Amino acid sequence: MMKDLMKELIHQDFVLQGLPEPPNNYTYETREHNRTFIGIWLHCHHRFSYNGGAPVYTIWGFYNTKTKQYHSPINSSKPGDVVRIEDTRPYTSMSLNLNPLMQCLMSPS
């Protein structure tokens, strides 16, 4: 039992270590999705009246434990395409589909 808990904690730390810094008042959390994937969730620490102050989570992405790759989400229950961790953003791992003009306007340099 303790061995499984330690293994899970080490695994979670490994999955989270390469992610971008979470935005203010947010943290990343991992949850086992299935045998192959770990879901990475973004937890918002603000309280909202629309849900009675319950915690708010959004899916950031998925981590494939067999291939050791990150995947963008199609939705909260389905992993999508493989993404490079360098191309992800703090709120989501989904890539931006920008036309050439938008790419020039959005480039950091």
PDB file of N, CA and C in Angstrom:
ATOM      1  N   MET A   1       0.830  -1.191   0.000  1.00  0.00           N
ATOM      2  CA  MET A   1       0.000   0.000   0.000  1.00  0.00           C
ATOM      3  C   MET A   1       0.876   1.257   0.000  1.00  0.00           C
ATOM      4  N   MET A   2       1.803   1.349   0.930  1.00  0.00           N
ATOM      5  CA  MET A   2       2.685   2.508   1.024  1.00  0.00           C
ATOM      6  C   MET A   2       3.587   2.590  -0.208  1.00  0.00           C
ATOM      7  N   LYS A   3       4.003   1.451  -0.718  1.00  0.00           N
ATOM      8  CA  LYS A   3       4.856   1.417  -1.905  1.00  0.00           C
ATOM      9  C   LYS A   3       4.102   1.988  -3.110  1.00  0.00           C
ATOM     10  N   ASP A   4       2.824   1.643  -3.267  1.00  0.00           N
ATOM     11  CA  ASP A   4       2.014   2.160  -4.368  1.00  0.00           C
ATOM     12  C   ASP A   4       1.814   3.667  -4.248  1.00  0.00           C
ATOM     13  N   LEU A   5       1.606   4.147  -3.025  1.00  0.00           N
ATOM     14  CA  LEU A   5       1.427   5.576  -2.794  1.00  0.00           C
ATOM     15  C   LEU A   5       2.691   6.345  -3.163  1.00  0.00           C
ATOM     16  N   MET A   6       3.847   5.843  -2.746  1.00  0.00           N
ATOM     17  CA  MET A   6       5.122   6.489  -3.068  1.00  0.00           C
ATOM     18  C   MET A   6       5.354   6.503  -4.582  1.00  0.00           C
ATOM     19  N   LYS A   7       5.043   5.394  -5.234  1.00  0.00           N
ATOM     20  CA  LYS A   7       5.215   5.293  -6.683  1.00  0.00           C
ATOM     21  C   LYS A   7       4.329   6.333  -7.383  1.00  0.00           C
ATOM     22  N   GLU A   8       3.093   6.478  -6.919  1.00  0.00           N
ATOM     23  CA  GLU A   8       2.173   7.433  -7.520  1.00  0.00           C
ATOM     24  C   GLU A   8       2.651   8.876  -7.312  1.00  0.00           C
ATOM     25  N   LEU A   9       3.134   9.197  -6.126  1.00  0.00           N
ATOM     26  CA  LEU A   9       3.628  10.548  -5.848  1.00  0.00           C
ATOM     27  C   LEU A   9       4.839  10.894  -6.699  1.00  0.00           C
ATOM     28  N   ILE A  10       5.755   9.955  -6.841  1.00  0.00           N
ATOM     29  CA  ILE A  10       6.940  10.173  -7.670  1.00  0.00           C
ATOM     30  C   ILE A  10       6.518  10.371  -9.115  1.00  0.00           C
ATOM     31  N   HIS A  11       5.564   9.564  -9.578  1.00  0.00           N
ATOM     32  CA  HIS A  11       5.082   9.651 -10.945  1.00  0.00           C
ATOM     33  C   HIS A  11       4.418  11.000 -11.190  1.00  0.00           C
ATOM     34  N   GLN A  12       3.591  11.469 -10.240  1.00  0.00           N
ATOM     35  CA  GLN A  12       2.929  12.764 -10.379  1.00  0.00           C
ATOM     36  C   GLN A  12       3.941  13.898 -10.457  1.00  0.00           C
ATOM     37  N   ASP A  13       4.955  13.852  -9.602  1.00  0.00           N
ATOM     38  CA  ASP A  13       5.988  14.883  -9.627  1.00  0.00           C
ATOM     39  C   ASP A  13       6.691  14.917 -10.976  1.00  0.00           C
ATOM     40  N   PHE A  14       6.970  13.748 -11.538  1.00  0.00           N
ATOM     41  CA  PHE A  14       7.644  13.670 -12.831  1.00  0.00           C
ATOM     42  C   PHE A  14       6.763  14.277 -13.923  1.00  0.00           C
ATOM     43  N   VAL A  15       5.483  13.966 -13.915  1.00  0.00           N
ATOM     44  CA  VAL A  15       4.557  14.467 -14.935  1.00  0.00           C
ATOM     45  C   VAL A  15       4.436  15.985 -14.851  1.00  0.00           C
ATOM     46  N   LEU A  16       4.391  16.536 -13.647  1.00  0.00           N
ATOM     47  CA  LEU A  16       4.165  17.967 -13.459  1.00  0.00           C
ATOM     48  C   LEU A  16       5.418  18.820 -13.610  1.00  0.00           C
ATOM     49  N   GLN A  17       6.599  18.231 -13.516  1.00  0.00           N
ATOM     50  CA  GLN A  17       7.822  19.036 -13.479  1.00  0.00           C
ATOM     51  C   GLN A  17       8.101  19.800 -14.766  1.00  0.00           C
ATOM     52  N   GLY A  18       7.667  19.322 -15.911  1.00  0.00           N
ATOM     53  CA  GLY A  18       7.973  20.008 -17.167  1.00  0.00           C
ATOM     54  C   GLY A  18       6.926  21.001 -17.616  1.00  0.00           C
ATOM     55  N   LEU A  19       5.836  21.126 -16.866  1.00  0.00           N
ATOM     56  CA  LEU A  19       4.746  21.998 -17.296  1.00  0.00           C
ATOM     57  C   LEU A  19       5.091  23.470 -17.093  1.00  0.00           C
ATOM     58  N   PRO A  20       4.415  24.349 -17.847  1.00  0.00           N
ATOM     59  CA  PRO A  20       4.623  25.782 -17.622  1.00  0.00           C
ATOM     60  C   PRO A  20       4.174  26.157 -16.202  1.00  0.00           C
ATOM     61  N   GLU A  21       4.678  27.254 -15.702  1.00  0.00           N
ATOM     62  CA  GLU A  21       4.278  27.742 -14.385  1.00  0.00           C
ATOM     63  C   GLU A  21       2.771  28.016 -14.411  1.00  0.00           C
ATOM     64  N   PRO A  22       2.006  27.505 -13.431  1.00  0.00           N
ATOM     65  CA  PRO A  22       0.557  27.756 -13.459  1.00  0.00           C
ATOM     66  C   PRO A  22       0.251  29.238 -13.238  1.00  0.00           C
ATOM     67  N   PRO A  23      -0.867  29.718 -13.776  1.00  0.00           N
ATOM     68  CA  PRO A  23      -1.256  31.116 -13.558  1.00  0.00           C
ATOM     69  C   PRO A  23      -1.509  31.379 -12.070  1.00  0.00           C
ATOM     70  N   ASN A  24      -1.576  32.665 -11.695  1.00  0.00           N
ATOM     71  CA  ASN A  24      -1.868  33.024 -10.305  1.00  0.00           C
ATOM     72  C   ASN A  24      -3.204  32.427  -9.865  1.00  0.00           C
ATOM     73  N   ASN A  25      -3.240  31.918  -8.643  1.00  0.00           N
ATOM     74  CA  ASN A  25      -4.424  31.302  -8.038  1.00  0.00           C
ATOM     75  C   ASN A  25      -4.867  30.013  -8.728  1.00  0.00           C
ATOM     76  N   TYR A  26      -3.949  29.356  -9.434  1.00  0.00           N
ATOM     77  CA  TYR A  26      -4.211  28.063 -10.067  1.00  0.00           C
ATOM     78  C   TYR A  26      -3.110  27.094  -9.669  1.00  0.00           C
ATOM     79  N   THR A  27      -3.429  25.806  -9.669  1.00  0.00           N
ATOM     80  CA  THR A  27      -2.433  24.750  -9.499  1.00  0.00           C
ATOM     81  C   THR A  27      -2.769  23.620 -10.452  1.00  0.00           C
ATOM     82  N   TYR A  28      -1.757  22.825 -10.765  1.00  0.00           N
ATOM     83  CA  TYR A  28      -1.971  21.624 -11.568  1.00  0.00           C
ATOM     84  C   TYR A  28      -2.184  20.442 -10.638  1.00  0.00           C
ATOM     85  N   GLU A  29      -3.055  19.534 -11.038  1.00  0.00           N
ATOM     86  CA  GLU A  29      -3.280  18.291 -10.306  1.00  0.00           C
ATOM     87  C   GLU A  29      -3.369  17.159 -11.309  1.00  0.00           C
ATOM     88  N   THR A  30      -2.960  15.982 -10.884  1.00  0.00           N
ATOM     89  CA  THR A  30      -3.040  14.820 -11.771  1.00  0.00           C
ATOM     90  C   THR A  30      -4.058  13.838 -11.237  1.00  0.00           C
ATOM     91  N   ARG A  31      -4.709  13.166 -12.163  1.00  0.00           N
ATOM     92  CA  ARG A  31      -5.655  12.100 -11.831  1.00  0.00           C
ATOM     93  C   ARG A  31      -5.476  10.985 -12.852  1.00  0.00           C
ATOM     94  N   GLU A  32      -5.515   9.776 -12.370  1.00  0.00           N
ATOM     95  CA  GLU A  32      -5.410   8.648 -13.292  1.00  0.00           C
ATOM     96  C   GLU A  32      -6.631   8.653 -14.199  1.00  0.00           C
ATOM     97  N   HIS A  33      -6.381   8.617 -15.506  1.00  0.00           N
ATOM     98  CA  HIS A  33      -7.471   8.633 -16.478  1.00  0.00           C
ATOM     99  C   HIS A  33      -7.834   7.197 -16.891  1.00  0.00           C
ATOM    100  N   ASN A  34      -6.827   6.449 -17.265  1.00  0.00           N
ATOM    101  CA  ASN A  34      -6.960   5.019 -17.553  1.00  0.00           C
ATOM    102  C   ASN A  34      -5.577   4.398 -17.402  1.00  0.00           C
ATOM    103  N   ARG A  35      -5.397   3.185 -17.846  1.00  0.00           N
ATOM    104  CA  ARG A  35      -4.103   2.515 -17.668  1.00  0.00           C
ATOM    105  C   ARG A  35      -2.946   3.250 -18.336  1.00  0.00           C
ATOM    106  N   THR A  36      -3.239   3.880 -19.449  1.00  0.00           N
ATOM    107  CA  THR A  36      -2.205   4.499 -20.255  1.00  0.00           C
ATOM    108  C   THR A  36      -2.023   5.991 -19.982  1.00  0.00           C
ATOM    109  N   PHE A  37      -3.098   6.691 -19.662  1.00  0.00           N
ATOM    110  CA  PHE A  37      -3.049   8.145 -19.561  1.00  0.00           C
ATOM    111  C   PHE A  37      -3.301   8.652 -18.146  1.00  0.00           C
ATOM    112  N   ILE A  38      -2.600   9.749 -17.842  1.00  0.00           N
ATOM    113  CA  ILE A  38      -2.845  10.510 -16.621  1.00  0.00           C
ATOM    114  C   ILE A  38      -3.423  11.843 -17.064  1.00  0.00           C
ATOM    115  N   GLY A  39      -4.548  12.231 -16.487  1.00  0.00           N
ATOM    116  CA  GLY A  39      -5.141  13.536 -16.789  1.00  0.00           C
ATOM    117  C   GLY A  39      -4.459  14.612 -15.965  1.00  0.00           C
ATOM    118  N   ILE A  40      -4.154  15.724 -16.591  1.00  0.00           N
ATOM    119  CA  ILE A  40      -3.558  16.869 -15.902  1.00  0.00           C
ATOM    120  C   ILE A  40      -4.627  17.959 -15.863  1.00  0.00           C
ATOM    121  N   TRP A  41      -5.024  18.328 -14.656  1.00  0.00           N
ATOM    122  CA  TRP A  41      -6.120  19.270 -14.451  1.00  0.00           C
ATOM    123  C   TRP A  41      -5.600  20.575 -13.892  1.00  0.00           C
ATOM    124  N   LEU A  42      -6.192  21.663 -14.328  1.00  0.00           N
ATOM    125  CA  LEU A  42      -5.876  22.990 -13.814  1.00  0.00           C
ATOM    126  C   LEU A  42      -6.972  23.338 -12.806  1.00  0.00           C
ATOM    127  N   HIS A  43      -6.576  23.547 -11.560  1.00  0.00           N
ATOM    128  CA  HIS A  43      -7.511  23.830 -10.472  1.00  0.00           C
ATOM    129  C   HIS A  43      -7.505  25.321 -10.186  1.00  0.00           C
ATOM    130  N   CYS A  44      -8.667  25.942 -10.302  1.00  0.00           N
ATOM    131  CA  CYS A  44      -8.822  27.370 -10.012  1.00  0.00           C
ATOM    132  C   CYS A  44      -9.207  27.518  -8.549  1.00  0.00           C
ATOM    133  N   HIS A  45      -8.469  28.331  -7.797  1.00  0.00           N
ATOM    134  CA  HIS A  45      -8.721  28.486  -6.365  1.00  0.00           C
ATOM    135  C   HIS A  45      -9.698  29.615  -6.045  1.00  0.00           C
ATOM    136  N   HIS A  46     -10.195  30.308  -7.061  1.00  0.00           N
ATOM    137  CA  HIS A  46     -11.232  31.322  -6.834  1.00  0.00           C
ATOM    138  C   HIS A  46     -12.544  30.606  -6.533  1.00  0.00           C
ATOM    139  N   ARG A  47     -13.417  31.259  -5.797  1.00  0.00           N
ATOM    140  CA  ARG A  47     -14.756  30.730  -5.523  1.00  0.00           C
ATOM    141  C   ARG A  47     -15.756  31.475  -6.398  1.00  0.00           C
ATOM    142  N   PHE A  48     -16.695  30.749  -6.966  1.00  0.00           N
ATOM    143  CA  PHE A  48     -17.693  31.338  -7.848  1.00  0.00           C
ATOM    144  C   PHE A  48     -19.087  31.076  -7.297  1.00  0.00           C
ATOM    145  N   SER A  49     -19.980  32.038  -7.494  1.00  0.00           N
ATOM    146  CA  SER A  49     -21.340  31.887  -6.971  1.00  0.00           C
ATOM    147  C   SER A  49     -22.194  30.960  -7.834  1.00  0.00           C
ATOM    148  N   TYR A  50     -21.858  30.827  -9.134  1.00  0.00           N
ATOM    149  CA  TYR A  50     -22.696  30.016 -10.014  1.00  0.00           C
ATOM    150  C   TYR A  50     -22.717  28.534  -9.623  1.00  0.00           C
ATOM    151  N   ASN A  51     -21.705  28.083  -8.900  1.00  0.00           N
ATOM    152  CA  ASN A  51     -21.664  26.670  -8.519  1.00  0.00           C
ATOM    153  C   ASN A  51     -21.644  26.494  -6.999  1.00  0.00           C
ATOM    154  N   GLY A  52     -22.038  27.526  -6.282  1.00  0.00           N
ATOM    155  CA  GLY A  52     -22.092  27.419  -4.824  1.00  0.00           C
ATOM    156  C   GLY A  52     -20.731  27.384  -4.154  1.00  0.00           C
ATOM    157  N   GLY A  53     -19.704  27.868  -4.825  1.00  0.00           N
ATOM    158  CA  GLY A  53     -18.365  27.890  -4.241  1.00  0.00           C
ATOM    159  C   GLY A  53     -17.609  26.582  -4.354  1.00  0.00           C
ATOM    160  N   ALA A  54     -18.127  25.642  -5.125  1.00  0.00           N
ATOM    161  CA  ALA A  54     -17.446  24.351  -5.315  1.00  0.00           C
ATOM    162  C   ALA A  54     -16.155  24.560  -6.113  1.00  0.00           C
ATOM    163  N   PRO A  55     -15.171  23.680  -5.953  1.00  0.00           N
ATOM    164  CA  PRO A  55     -13.925  23.799  -6.714  1.00  0.00           C
ATOM    165  C   PRO A  55     -14.173  23.740  -8.222  1.00  0.00           C
ATOM    166  N   VAL A  56     -13.379  24.483  -8.963  1.00  0.00           N
ATOM    167  CA  VAL A  56     -13.506  24.536 -10.419  1.00  0.00           C
ATOM    168  C   VAL A  56     -12.232  23.964 -11.035  1.00  0.00           C
ATOM    169  N   TYR A  57     -12.404  23.010 -11.934  1.00  0.00           N
ATOM    170  CA  TYR A  57     -11.292  22.366 -12.620  1.00  0.00           C
ATOM    171  C   TYR A  57     -11.523  22.433 -14.120  1.00  0.00           C
ATOM    172  N   THR A  58     -10.424  22.490 -14.866  1.00  0.00           N
ATOM    173  CA  THR A  58     -10.483  22.370 -16.313  1.00  0.00           C
ATOM    174  C   THR A  58      -9.335  21.458 -16.746  1.00  0.00           C
ATOM    175  N   ILE A  59      -9.559  20.701 -17.789  1.00  0.00           N
ATOM    176  CA  ILE A  59      -8.515  19.779 -18.247  1.00  0.00           C
ATOM    177  C   ILE A  59      -7.416  20.585 -18.941  1.00  0.00           C
ATOM    178  N   TRP A  60      -6.168  20.347 -18.542  1.00  0.00           N
ATOM    179  CA  TRP A  60      -5.028  20.988 -19.200  1.00  0.00           C
ATOM    180  C   TRP A  60      -4.531  20.103 -20.330  1.00  0.00           C
ATOM    181  N   GLY A  61      -4.433  18.816 -20.064  1.00  0.00           N
ATOM    182  CA  GLY A  61      -3.944  17.881 -21.061  1.00  0.00           C
ATOM    183  C   GLY A  61      -3.804  16.494 -20.470  1.00  0.00           C
ATOM    184  N   PHE A  62      -3.130  15.625 -21.185  1.00  0.00           N
ATOM    185  CA  PHE A  62      -2.927  14.247 -20.764  1.00  0.00           C
ATOM    186  C   PHE A  62      -1.460  13.868 -20.912  1.00  0.00           C
ATOM    187  N   TYR A  63      -1.036  12.908 -20.112  1.00  0.00           N
ATOM    188  CA  TYR A  63       0.324  12.372 -20.200  1.00  0.00           C
ATOM    189  C   TYR A  63       0.220  10.877 -20.443  1.00  0.00           C
ATOM    190  N   ASN A  64       0.885  10.403 -21.499  1.00  0.00           N
ATOM    191  CA  ASN A  64       0.889   8.981 -21.832  1.00  0.00           C
ATOM    192  C   ASN A  64       2.048   8.319 -21.089  1.00  0.00           C
ATOM    193  N   THR A  65       1.728   7.411 -20.180  1.00  0.00           N
ATOM    194  CA  THR A  65       2.759   6.782 -19.354  1.00  0.00           C
ATOM    195  C   THR A  65       3.588   5.764 -20.125  1.00  0.00           C
ATOM    196  N   LYS A  66       3.079   5.259 -21.239  1.00  0.00           N
ATOM    197  CA  LYS A  66       3.836   4.281 -22.024  1.00  0.00           C
ATOM    198  C   LYS A  66       4.827   4.954 -22.965  1.00  0.00           C
ATOM    199  N   THR A  67       4.385   6.006 -23.651  1.00  0.00           N
ATOM    200  CA  THR A  67       5.258   6.682 -24.611  1.00  0.00           C
ATOM    201  C   THR A  67       5.981   7.883 -24.004  1.00  0.00           C
ATOM    202  N   LYS A  68       5.583   8.280 -22.782  1.00  0.00           N
ATOM    203  CA  LYS A  68       6.184   9.426 -22.084  1.00  0.00           C
ATOM    204  C   LYS A  68       6.006  10.725 -22.862  1.00  0.00           C
ATOM    205  N   GLN A  69       4.806  10.903 -23.456  1.00  0.00           N
ATOM    206  CA  GLN A  69       4.507  12.094 -24.237  1.00  0.00           C
ATOM    207  C   GLN A  69       3.259  12.788 -23.688  1.00  0.00           C
ATOM    208  N   TYR A  70       3.204  14.105 -23.878  1.00  0.00           N
ATOM    209  CA  TYR A  70       2.035  14.888 -23.494  1.00  0.00           C
ATOM    210  C   TYR A  70       1.078  14.985 -24.679  1.00  0.00           C
ATOM    211  N   HIS A  71      -0.221  15.004 -24.381  1.00  0.00           N
ATOM    212  CA  HIS A  71      -1.252  15.094 -25.414  1.00  0.00           C
ATOM    213  C   HIS A  71      -2.193  16.242 -25.083  1.00  0.00           C
ATOM    214  N   SER A  72      -2.618  16.955 -26.117  1.00  0.00           N
ATOM    215  CA  SER A  72      -3.640  17.974 -25.904  1.00  0.00           C
ATOM    216  C   SER A  72      -4.981  17.253 -25.734  1.00  0.00           C
ATOM    217  N   PRO A  73      -5.947  17.897 -25.087  1.00  0.00           N
ATOM    218  CA  PRO A  73      -7.247  17.247 -24.930  1.00  0.00           C
ATOM    219  C   PRO A  73      -8.178  17.535 -26.111  1.00  0.00           C
ATOM    220  N   ILE A  74      -8.972  16.557 -26.480  1.00  0.00           N
ATOM    221  CA  ILE A  74     -10.097  16.802 -27.392  1.00  0.00           C
ATOM    222  C   ILE A  74     -11.247  17.320 -26.538  1.00  0.00           C
ATOM    223  N   ASN A  75     -11.443  16.657 -25.416  1.00  0.00           N
ATOM    224  CA  ASN A  75     -12.354  17.112 -24.367  1.00  0.00           C
ATOM    225  C   ASN A  75     -11.824  16.536 -23.057  1.00  0.00           C
ATOM    226  N   SER A  76     -12.570  16.642 -21.986  1.00  0.00           N
ATOM    227  CA  SER A  76     -12.038  16.223 -20.683  1.00  0.00           C
ATOM    228  C   SER A  76     -11.878  14.718 -20.542  1.00  0.00           C
ATOM    229  N   SER A  77     -12.423  13.958 -21.476  1.00  0.00           N
ATOM    230  CA  SER A  77     -12.300  12.505 -21.362  1.00  0.00           C
ATOM    231  C   SER A  77     -11.557  11.854 -22.520  1.00  0.00           C
ATOM    232  N   LYS A  78     -11.076  12.647 -23.478  1.00  0.00           N
ATOM    233  CA  LYS A  78     -10.440  12.051 -24.654  1.00  0.00           C
ATOM    234  C   LYS A  78      -9.142  12.770 -25.015  1.00  0.00           C
ATOM    235  N   PRO A  79      -7.997  12.059 -24.938  1.00  0.00           N
ATOM    236  CA  PRO A  79      -6.724  12.653 -25.350  1.00  0.00           C
ATOM    237  C   PRO A  79      -6.683  12.883 -26.858  1.00  0.00           C
ATOM    238  N   GLY A  80      -5.973  13.937 -27.253  1.00  0.00           N
ATOM    239  CA  GLY A  80      -5.837  14.261 -28.664  1.00  0.00           C
ATOM    240  C   GLY A  80      -4.420  14.042 -29.159  1.00  0.00           C
ATOM    241  N   ASP A  81      -3.936  14.996 -29.937  1.00  0.00           N
ATOM    242  CA  ASP A  81      -2.626  14.898 -30.576  1.00  0.00           C
ATOM    243  C   ASP A  81      -1.481  15.082 -29.576  1.00  0.00           C
ATOM    244  N   VAL A  82      -0.349  14.522 -29.931  1.00  0.00           N
ATOM    245  CA  VAL A  82       0.880  14.711 -29.149  1.00  0.00           C
ATOM    246  C   VAL A  82       1.311  16.166 -29.308  1.00  0.00           C
ATOM    247  N   VAL A  83       1.756  16.767 -28.187  1.00  0.00           N
ATOM    248  CA  VAL A  83       2.243  18.151 -28.215  1.00  0.00           C
ATOM    249  C   VAL A  83       3.642  18.210 -27.626  1.00  0.00           C
ATOM    250  N   ARG A  84       4.401  19.182 -28.094  1.00  0.00           N
ATOM    251  CA  ARG A  84       5.707  19.442 -27.478  1.00  0.00           C
ATOM    252  C   ARG A  84       5.459  20.317 -26.260  1.00  0.00           C
ATOM    253  N   ILE A  85       6.052  19.967 -25.155  1.00  0.00           N
ATOM    254  CA  ILE A  85       5.816  20.697 -23.912  1.00  0.00           C
ATOM    255  C   ILE A  85       6.240  22.163 -24.049  1.00  0.00           C
ATOM    256  N   GLU A  86       7.217  22.440 -24.898  1.00  0.00           N
ATOM    257  CA  GLU A  86       7.683  23.808 -25.113  1.00  0.00           C
ATOM    258  C   GLU A  86       6.626  24.671 -25.801  1.00  0.00           C
ATOM    259  N   ASP A  87       5.693  24.043 -26.519  1.00  0.00           N
ATOM    260  CA  ASP A  87       4.666  24.774 -27.262  1.00  0.00           C
ATOM    261  C   ASP A  87       3.368  24.957 -26.476  1.00  0.00           C
ATOM    262  N   THR A  88       3.346  24.496 -25.245  1.00  0.00           N
ATOM    263  CA  THR A  88       2.119  24.592 -24.453  1.00  0.00           C
ATOM    264  C   THR A  88       2.061  25.919 -23.708  1.00  0.00           C
ATOM    265  N   ARG A  89       0.874  26.222 -23.200  1.00  0.00           N
ATOM    266  CA  ARG A  89       0.655  27.448 -22.449  1.00  0.00           C
ATOM    267  C   ARG A  89       0.134  27.090 -21.052  1.00  0.00           C
ATOM    268  N   PRO A  90       0.177  28.026 -20.113  1.00  0.00           N
ATOM    269  CA  PRO A  90      -0.241  27.710 -18.746  1.00  0.00           C
ATOM    270  C   PRO A  90      -1.696  27.238 -18.612  1.00  0.00           C
ATOM    271  N   TYR A  91      -2.589  27.743 -19.447  1.00  0.00           N
ATOM    272  CA  TYR A  91      -4.005  27.380 -19.302  1.00  0.00           C
ATOM    273  C   TYR A  91      -4.398  26.118 -20.068  1.00  0.00           C
ATOM    274  N   THR A  92      -3.650  25.744 -21.087  1.00  0.00           N
ATOM    275  CA  THR A  92      -4.006  24.569 -21.880  1.00  0.00           C
ATOM    276  C   THR A  92      -2.813  24.082 -22.693  1.00  0.00           C
ATOM    277  N   SER A  93      -2.871  22.816 -23.059  1.00  0.00           N
ATOM    278  CA  SER A  93      -1.826  22.275 -23.924  1.00  0.00           C
ATOM    279  C   SER A  93      -2.267  22.272 -25.385  1.00  0.00           C
ATOM    280  N   MET A  94      -3.484  22.736 -25.648  1.00  0.00           N
ATOM    281  CA  MET A  94      -3.969  22.768 -27.029  1.00  0.00           C
ATOM    282  C   MET A  94      -3.185  23.799 -27.826  1.00  0.00           C
ATOM    283  N   SER A  95      -2.816  23.410 -29.038  1.00  0.00           N
ATOM    284  CA  SER A  95      -2.026  24.319 -29.873  1.00  0.00           C
ATOM    285  C   SER A  95      -2.944  25.332 -30.545  1.00  0.00           C
ATOM    286  N   LEU A  96      -2.373  26.490 -30.821  1.00  0.00           N
ATOM    287  CA  LEU A  96      -3.117  27.530 -31.526  1.00  0.00           C
ATOM    288  C   LEU A  96      -3.058  27.259 -33.017  1.00  0.00           C
ATOM    289  N   ASN A  97      -4.188  27.376 -33.691  1.00  0.00           N
ATOM    290  CA  ASN A  97      -4.237  27.229 -35.147  1.00  0.00           C
ATOM    291  C   ASN A  97      -4.258  28.631 -35.748  1.00  0.00           C
ATOM    292  N   LEU A  98      -3.078  29.175 -35.976  1.00  0.00           N
ATOM    293  CA  LEU A  98      -2.959  30.550 -36.447  1.00  0.00           C
ATOM    294  C   LEU A  98      -2.586  30.590 -37.919  1.00  0.00           C
ATOM    295  N   ASN A  99      -3.170  31.540 -38.633  1.00  0.00           N
ATOM    296  CA  ASN A  99      -2.750  31.752 -40.012  1.00  0.00           C
ATOM    297  C   ASN A  99      -1.424  32.519 -39.977  1.00  0.00           C
ATOM    298  N   PRO A 100      -0.721  32.650 -41.102  1.00  0.00           N
ATOM    299  CA  PRO A 100       0.604  33.306 -41.095  1.00  0.00           C
ATOM    300  C   PRO A 100       0.587  34.725 -40.521  1.00  0.00           C
ATOM    301  N   LEU A 101      -0.447  35.506 -40.808  1.00  0.00           N
ATOM    302  CA  LEU A 101      -0.516  36.856 -40.270  1.00  0.00           C
ATOM    303  C   LEU A 101      -0.642  36.837 -38.757  1.00  0.00           C
ATOM    304  N   MET A 102      -1.495  35.991 -38.242  1.00  0.00           N
ATOM    305  CA  MET A 102      -1.676  35.876 -36.790  1.00  0.00           C
ATOM    306  C   MET A 102      -0.381  35.384 -36.126  1.00  0.00           C
ATOM    307  N   GLN A 103       0.337  34.489 -36.781  1.00  0.00           N
ATOM    308  CA  GLN A 103       1.606  34.017 -36.237  1.00  0.00           C
ATOM    309  C   GLN A 103       2.583  35.165 -36.073  1.00  0.00           C
ATOM    310  N   CYS A 104       2.629  36.080 -37.053  1.00  0.00           N
ATOM    311  CA  CYS A 104       3.529  37.238 -36.948  1.00  0.00           C
ATOM    312  C   CYS A 104       3.103  38.152 -35.812  1.00  0.00           C
ATOM    313  N   LEU A 105       1.814  38.370 -35.680  1.00  0.00           N
ATOM    314  CA  LEU A 105       1.318  39.264 -34.630  1.00  0.00           C
ATOM    315  C   LEU A 105       1.474  38.672 -33.238  1.00  0.00           C
ATOM    316  N   MET A 106       1.410  37.347 -33.110  1.00  0.00           N
ATOM    317  CA  MET A 106       1.471  36.679 -31.816  1.00  0.00           C
ATOM    318  C   MET A 106       2.874  36.280 -31.415  1.00  0.00           C
ATOM    319  N   SER A 107       3.857  36.413 -32.322  1.00  0.00           N
ATOM    320  CA  SER A 107       5.209  35.973 -32.001  1.00  0.00           C
ATOM    321  C   SER A 107       5.808  36.866 -30.916  1.00  0.00           C
ATOM    322  N   PRO A 108       6.575  36.280 -29.986  1.00  0.00           N
ATOM    323  CA  PRO A 108       7.130  37.058 -28.873  1.00  0.00           C
ATOM    324  C   PRO A 108       8.208  38.050 -29.272  1.00  0.00           C
ATOM    325  N   SER A 109       8.832  37.861 -30.427  1.00  0.00           N
ATOM    326  CA  SER A 109       9.929  38.783 -30.803  1.00  0.00           C
ATOM    327  C   SER A 109       9.487  39.902 -31.692  1.00  0.00           C
TER     328      SER A 109
END
